[in-house]
Amino acid sequence: MTAALSPLPLRAADPQAAGSARWPRACLLLALAGLLALHWSTVAAMADVWWHSQTFAHGLVVPPVSLWLVWRQRAVLAACALRPSPFMLLPMAALGLLWLLAAVANVPVLQQYSLVLMAAALVALVLGWSYARAIAFALAYLLLAVPFGEVFIAPLIEFTAGFTVGALQLAGIPVFRDNNFLSLPSGNWSVEEACSGLRYLIASFALGTLYAHLSYHSRARQAAFVAVSLILPIVANGVRAFTIVLIGHYSNMTLAVGIDHLIYGWLFFGLVATLMFWVGARWRDALPPKQATAASRPPAAPPAAFAGAA
């Protein structure tokens, strides 16, 4: 008996399997469209806030960014087993009940969070947990589209006013504070809602979270960068307010008191954000050991089979 070693031909992608995978995805798109149609009033309320509020205008770009994050995972998703998870009907029902209660109690932000979570649960329901885990960050990032954060305006104003007063006193400039009103020998200032820095905080958190996900593999580094993206804009806004008051004081209230006040604020925030990302880029992770090994390993030879002949 003689034996010969002959390589098996490489298999092309199975068009039938690829076609069968389109149906679950099509079902997911139809289910999402139905979910949004049933809760269109909630979607419209969110979009209205995005369009008319400078603080929450970032919501306009969050859904496209989430879609891009899903598209980046297309190779991983192609290998995911599509196994629907009927048990997700229970969380879907609970979230639907929560949305209904929020509608009765007239709590729009709770309705909006419920809707976003229902959309994420729908992915697991139709395509399975393996698919949902592969795009978990993209689904979680959609939560940033909900216009939430106004509850932090009061403490942010308090911090900004206190920081400004403390910095002025360190600079030797006499200042009298009455709640959010500051009186200097050169004039009076008021720390208002626009001065709270909420819009800088939200923008920094949205950008910082995305940057940490794309730039770091270590969970510790991701958490550290996100923490910096939360703390830095709060402190930077205090520095911004102090600098504006300082410019107004030394210019005898001729500079940094009109539209240049807002322009200066965004320029300052842009500078701080640029420095934050520049420093963050210097601490980028290398590939995890498993990925680095796989990337450096030469491609495996095609499988072979023994064919025997008598």
Protein backbone atom coordinates (compact mmCIF):
# COMPACT_ATOMS: atom_id res chain seq x y z
CA MET A 1 0.00 0.00 0.00
CA THR A 2 1.36 3.38 -0.90
CA ALA A 3 0.36 6.68 0.57
CA ALA A 4 0.47 10.14 -0.97
CA LEU A 5 0.20 13.47 0.78
CA SER A 6 -2.07 15.84 -1.12
CA PRO A 7 -3.17 19.30 0.05
CA LEU A 8 -6.87 19.96 0.30
CA PRO A 9 -8.13 22.89 -1.80
CA LEU A 10 -8.94 26.04 0.16
CA ARG A 11 -12.66 26.50 0.61
CA ALA A 12 -14.28 29.62 -0.68
CA ALA A 13 -16.77 31.43 1.45
CA ASP A 14 -20.09 29.64 1.51
CA PRO A 15 -22.57 31.95 -0.25
CA GLN A 16 -25.50 30.03 1.21
CA ALA A 17 -24.21 30.63 4.78
CA ALA A 18 -23.58 34.28 4.00
CA GLY A 19 -27.08 34.59 2.62
CA SER A 20 -28.62 32.91 5.64
CA ALA A 21 -26.84 35.42 7.90
CA ARG A 22 -28.54 38.31 6.13
CA TRP A 23 -32.00 37.28 7.31
CA PRO A 24 -31.34 37.69 11.06
CA ARG A 25 -29.70 41.06 10.41
CA ALA A 26 -32.63 42.13 8.28
CA CYS A 27 -34.96 41.04 11.07
CA LEU A 28 -32.95 43.15 13.52
CA LEU A 29 -33.21 46.22 11.30
CA LEU A 30 -36.97 45.73 10.98
CA ALA A 31 -37.31 45.24 14.75
CA LEU A 32 -35.27 48.39 15.45
CA ALA A 33 -37.34 50.36 12.96
CA GLY A 34 -40.52 49.14 14.66
CA LEU A 35 -39.16 50.00 18.11
CA LEU A 36 -38.28 53.56 17.02
CA ALA A 37 -41.64 53.97 15.28
CA LEU A 38 -43.53 52.88 18.42
CA HIS A 39 -41.53 55.35 20.53
CA TRP A 40 -41.25 58.09 17.96
CA SER A 41 -42.28 60.79 20.42
CA THR A 42 -39.28 59.92 22.61
CA VAL A 43 -36.93 59.93 19.61
CA ALA A 44 -38.32 63.31 18.45
CA ALA A 45 -37.91 64.79 21.94
CA MET A 46 -34.24 63.72 22.03
CA ALA A 47 -33.58 65.10 18.54
CA ASP A 48 -35.23 68.39 19.43
CA VAL A 49 -32.88 68.84 22.40
CA TRP A 50 -29.86 67.95 20.25
CA TRP A 51 -30.82 70.52 17.65
CA HIS A 52 -31.69 73.43 19.94
CA SER A 53 -29.31 73.00 22.88
CA GLN A 54 -25.62 73.82 22.55
CA THR A 55 -24.92 71.76 25.66
CA PHE A 56 -26.34 68.55 24.15
CA ALA A 57 -25.54 69.14 20.47
CA HIS A 58 -23.06 66.25 20.67
CA GLY A 59 -26.08 63.92 20.54
CA LEU A 60 -26.27 64.56 16.79
CA VAL A 61 -22.99 62.72 16.23
CA VAL A 62 -23.31 59.93 18.81
CA PRO A 63 -25.53 57.60 16.67
CA PRO A 64 -23.27 57.94 13.57
CA VAL A 65 -20.21 57.26 15.74
CA SER A 66 -21.89 54.16 17.19
CA LEU A 67 -22.67 52.91 13.68
CA TRP A 68 -19.04 53.47 12.70
CA LEU A 69 -17.89 51.50 15.73
CA VAL A 70 -20.14 48.62 14.64
CA TRP A 71 -18.73 48.82 11.10
CA ARG A 72 -15.17 48.58 12.50
CA GLN A 73 -16.12 45.24 14.03
CA ARG A 74 -17.48 43.79 10.78
CA ALA A 75 -14.76 41.10 10.56
CA VAL A 76 -15.45 39.97 14.13
CA LEU A 77 -19.21 40.09 13.58
CA ALA A 78 -18.93 37.94 10.47
CA ALA A 79 -17.51 35.16 12.64
CA CYS A 80 -20.12 35.48 15.39
CA ALA A 81 -22.67 32.72 15.73
CA LEU A 82 -26.18 34.09 15.32
CA ARG A 83 -28.21 32.50 18.10
CA PRO A 84 -31.30 34.45 19.19
CA SER A 85 -31.77 34.75 22.95
CA PRO A 86 -35.48 34.46 23.84
CA PHE A 87 -34.68 35.15 27.51
CA MET A 88 -34.07 38.79 26.53
CA LEU A 89 -37.84 39.15 26.20
CA LEU A 90 -37.99 39.57 29.99
CA PRO A 91 -35.59 42.58 30.12
CA MET A 92 -37.35 44.02 27.07
CA ALA A 93 -40.70 43.78 28.88
CA ALA A 94 -39.22 45.33 32.05
CA LEU A 95 -37.71 48.21 30.07
CA GLY A 96 -41.01 48.73 28.25
CA LEU A 97 -42.80 48.93 31.60
CA LEU A 98 -40.17 51.38 32.87
CA TRP A 99 -40.71 53.54 29.77
CA LEU A 100 -44.47 53.50 30.39
CA LEU A 101 -44.07 54.50 34.05
CA ALA A 102 -41.67 57.29 33.04
CA ALA A 103 -44.21 58.52 30.49
CA VAL A 104 -46.95 58.58 33.14
CA ALA A 105 -44.66 60.37 35.60
CA ASN A 106 -43.46 62.71 32.83
CA VAL A 107 -39.75 61.93 33.25
CA PRO A 108 -38.41 62.26 29.68
CA VAL A 109 -34.81 61.36 30.50
CA LEU A 110 -35.90 58.02 31.97
CA GLN A 111 -37.99 57.33 28.86
CA GLN A 112 -34.97 58.05 26.67
CA TYR A 113 -32.63 55.80 28.65
CA SER A 114 -35.24 53.04 28.56
CA LEU A 115 -35.51 53.33 24.78
CA VAL A 116 -31.73 53.16 24.24
CA LEU A 117 -31.48 50.13 26.52
CA MET A 118 -34.37 48.45 24.70
CA ALA A 119 -32.51 48.92 21.41
CA ALA A 120 -29.40 47.29 22.92
CA ALA A 121 -31.45 44.42 24.37
CA LEU A 122 -33.07 43.91 20.98
CA VAL A 123 -29.67 43.13 19.46
CA ALA A 124 -29.12 40.32 21.97
CA LEU A 125 -32.68 39.11 21.51
CA VAL A 126 -32.52 38.77 17.71
CA LEU A 127 -28.83 38.02 17.05
CA GLY A 128 -27.65 36.59 20.36
CA TRP A 129 -25.22 37.40 23.15
CA SER A 130 -22.11 36.68 21.10
CA TYR A 131 -23.08 39.37 18.59
CA ALA A 132 -24.11 41.83 21.30
CA ARG A 133 -20.84 41.37 23.21
CA ALA A 134 -18.83 42.09 20.06
CA ILE A 135 -20.44 45.54 19.76
CA ALA A 136 -20.99 46.14 23.48
CA PHE A 137 -19.05 49.43 23.49
CA ALA A 138 -20.96 50.79 20.49
CA LEU A 139 -24.26 49.96 22.19
CA ALA A 140 -23.13 51.50 25.49
CA TYR A 141 -21.88 54.62 23.68
CA LEU A 142 -25.46 55.28 22.52
CA LEU A 143 -26.32 56.14 26.14
CA LEU A 144 -24.35 59.38 25.67
CA ALA A 145 -26.98 60.48 23.17
CA VAL A 146 -29.48 60.94 26.02
CA PRO A 147 -29.58 64.64 27.01
CA PHE A 148 -28.68 64.22 30.66
CA GLY A 149 -26.54 66.36 32.94
CA GLU A 150 -28.52 69.45 33.92
CA VAL A 151 -28.62 68.14 37.49
CA PHE A 152 -24.89 68.93 37.69
CA ILE A 153 -25.25 72.61 36.75
CA ALA A 154 -25.70 73.88 40.32
CA PRO A 155 -22.65 72.09 41.81
CA LEU A 156 -20.56 73.06 38.80
CA ILE A 157 -21.52 76.72 39.24
CA GLU A 158 -20.67 76.47 42.93
CA PHE A 159 -17.24 75.01 42.15
CA THR A 160 -16.51 77.58 39.43
CA ALA A 161 -17.47 80.51 41.65
CA GLY A 162 -15.45 79.17 44.59
CA PHE A 163 -12.43 78.45 42.40
CA THR A 164 -12.55 81.93 40.86
CA VAL A 165 -12.81 83.65 44.24
CA GLY A 166 -9.95 81.60 45.66
CA ALA A 167 -7.72 82.31 42.64
CA LEU A 168 -8.51 86.05 42.77
CA GLN A 169 -7.63 86.16 46.46
CA LEU A 170 -4.33 84.38 45.77
CA ALA A 171 -3.64 86.99 43.08
CA GLY A 172 -4.20 89.75 45.64
CA ILE A 173 -7.37 91.12 44.01
CA PRO A 174 -10.13 92.04 46.48
CA VAL A 175 -13.40 90.26 45.73
CA PHE A 176 -16.74 89.96 47.49
CA ARG A 177 -18.97 86.97 46.77
CA ASP A 178 -22.73 86.88 47.23
CA ASN A 179 -23.91 83.44 46.08
CA ASN A 180 -22.99 83.43 42.39
CA PHE A 181 -22.30 87.18 42.14
CA LEU A 182 -18.74 88.45 42.38
CA SER A 183 -17.92 92.10 43.05
CA LEU A 184 -14.48 93.49 42.20
CA PRO A 185 -13.27 97.12 42.32
CA SER A 186 -13.39 97.13 38.51
CA GLY A 187 -16.90 95.72 38.14
CA ASN A 188 -19.37 92.93 38.89
CA TRP A 189 -19.54 89.39 37.55
CA SER A 190 -22.14 86.64 37.66
CA VAL A 191 -21.43 82.92 37.34
CA GLU A 192 -24.42 81.76 35.29
CA GLU A 193 -25.52 78.50 33.72
CA ALA A 194 -23.37 79.04 30.62
CA CYS A 195 -20.35 79.46 32.92
CA SER A 196 -20.91 76.13 34.68
CA GLY A 197 -18.77 74.27 32.16
CA LEU A 198 -21.34 71.50 31.68
CA ARG A 199 -21.02 71.61 27.90
CA TYR A 200 -17.22 71.28 28.18
CA LEU A 201 -17.61 68.41 30.64
CA ILE A 202 -20.03 66.47 28.42
CA ALA A 203 -17.98 67.05 25.27
CA SER A 204 -14.79 66.02 27.04
CA PHE A 205 -16.38 62.87 28.47
CA ALA A 206 -17.82 61.84 25.09
CA LEU A 207 -14.50 62.38 23.30
CA GLY A 208 -12.42 60.94 26.13
CA THR A 209 -14.47 57.74 26.35
CA LEU A 210 -14.19 57.16 22.60
CA TYR A 211 -10.46 57.94 22.59
CA ALA A 212 -9.79 55.60 25.51
CA HIS A 213 -11.64 52.76 23.76
CA LEU A 214 -9.74 53.24 20.51
CA SER A 215 -6.29 53.92 21.98
CA TYR A 216 -5.94 51.65 25.01
CA HIS A 217 -6.28 47.92 25.56
CA SER A 218 -5.66 48.01 29.31
CA ARG A 219 -8.84 48.52 31.31
CA ALA A 220 -6.85 50.44 33.91
CA ARG A 221 -5.56 52.92 31.33
CA GLN A 222 -9.00 53.28 29.80
CA ALA A 223 -10.51 54.06 33.21
CA ALA A 224 -7.68 56.47 34.04
CA PHE A 225 -8.10 58.43 30.81
CA VAL A 226 -11.89 58.61 31.22
CA ALA A 227 -11.38 59.89 34.79
CA VAL A 228 -8.99 62.57 33.49
CA SER A 229 -11.54 63.54 30.81
CA LEU A 230 -14.06 64.14 33.64
CA ILE A 231 -11.80 65.96 36.12
CA LEU A 232 -9.74 68.08 33.72
CA PRO A 233 -12.63 70.07 32.14
CA ILE A 234 -14.02 70.93 35.59
CA VAL A 235 -10.69 72.33 36.77
CA ALA A 236 -10.01 73.93 33.38
CA ASN A 237 -13.37 75.69 33.49
CA GLY A 238 -12.43 77.20 36.85
CA VAL A 239 -9.15 78.43 35.33
CA ARG A 240 -11.07 79.78 32.33
CA ALA A 241 -13.50 81.72 34.54
CA PHE A 242 -10.65 83.13 36.63
CA THR A 243 -8.72 84.19 33.53
CA ILE A 244 -11.78 85.89 32.03
CA VAL A 245 -12.38 87.85 35.23
CA LEU A 246 -8.67 88.71 35.37
CA ILE A 247 -8.68 90.00 31.77
CA GLY A 248 -11.82 92.02 32.43
CA HIS A 249 -10.36 93.46 35.65
CA TYR A 250 -7.06 94.61 34.13
CA SER A 251 -8.70 95.90 30.94
CA ASN A 252 -11.15 98.00 32.96
CA MET A 253 -14.07 95.80 31.77
CA THR A 254 -13.40 96.34 28.07
CA LEU A 255 -12.21 92.82 27.18
CA ALA A 256 -13.70 89.34 27.76
CA VAL A 257 -17.13 90.72 28.64
CA GLY A 258 -19.08 90.24 25.38
CA ILE A 259 -19.09 87.65 22.61
CA ASP A 260 -15.33 87.31 23.03
CA HIS A 261 -16.16 85.78 26.42
CA LEU A 262 -17.69 82.73 24.68
CA ILE A 263 -15.09 82.61 21.90
CA TYR A 264 -12.29 82.64 24.44
CA GLY A 265 -13.99 79.86 26.39
CA TRP A 266 -14.17 77.49 23.42
CA LEU A 267 -10.62 78.31 22.34
CA PHE A 268 -9.40 77.57 25.85
CA PHE A 269 -11.33 74.29 25.95
CA GLY A 270 -9.91 73.34 22.54
CA LEU A 271 -6.39 73.94 23.82
CA VAL A 272 -6.99 71.88 26.97
CA ALA A 273 -8.54 69.02 24.97
CA THR A 274 -5.64 69.03 22.50
CA LEU A 275 -3.13 68.81 25.34
CA MET A 276 -5.12 66.02 26.98
CA PHE A 277 -5.14 63.90 23.80
CA TRP A 278 -1.48 64.69 23.08
CA VAL A 279 -0.45 63.45 26.51
CA GLY A 280 -2.81 60.48 26.19
CA ALA A 281 -1.21 59.48 22.87
CA ARG A 282 2.16 59.10 24.60
CA TRP A 283 0.67 56.41 26.87
CA ARG A 284 -0.89 54.27 24.16
CA ASP A 285 -0.86 50.53 24.76
CA ALA A 286 0.98 48.05 22.63
CA LEU A 287 -1.08 45.16 21.31
CA PRO A 288 -2.07 42.64 23.98
CA PRO A 289 0.33 39.65 24.08
CA LYS A 290 -2.10 37.27 22.32
CA GLN A 291 -2.83 39.74 19.51
CA ALA A 292 0.84 40.66 19.14
CA THR A 293 1.80 36.96 18.83
CA ALA A 294 -0.94 36.33 16.29
CA ALA A 295 0.08 39.38 14.26
CA SER A 296 3.76 38.34 14.10
CA ARG A 297 3.07 34.65 13.40
CA PRO A 298 3.37 33.62 9.70
CA PRO A 299 0.18 32.37 8.08
CA ALA A 300 -0.48 28.70 8.66
CA ALA A 301 -0.07 26.25 5.80
CA PRO A 302 -3.27 24.94 4.24
CA PRO A 303 -4.61 21.74 5.81
CA ALA A 304 -3.48 18.48 4.26
CA ALA A 305 -5.02 15.02 4.09
CA PHE A 306 -3.58 11.52 3.55
CA ALA A 307 -4.93 9.66 0.57
CA GLY A 308 -4.14 5.97 0.38
CA ALA A 309 -3.97 3.80 -2.74
CA ALA A 310 -3.78 0.04 -2.73
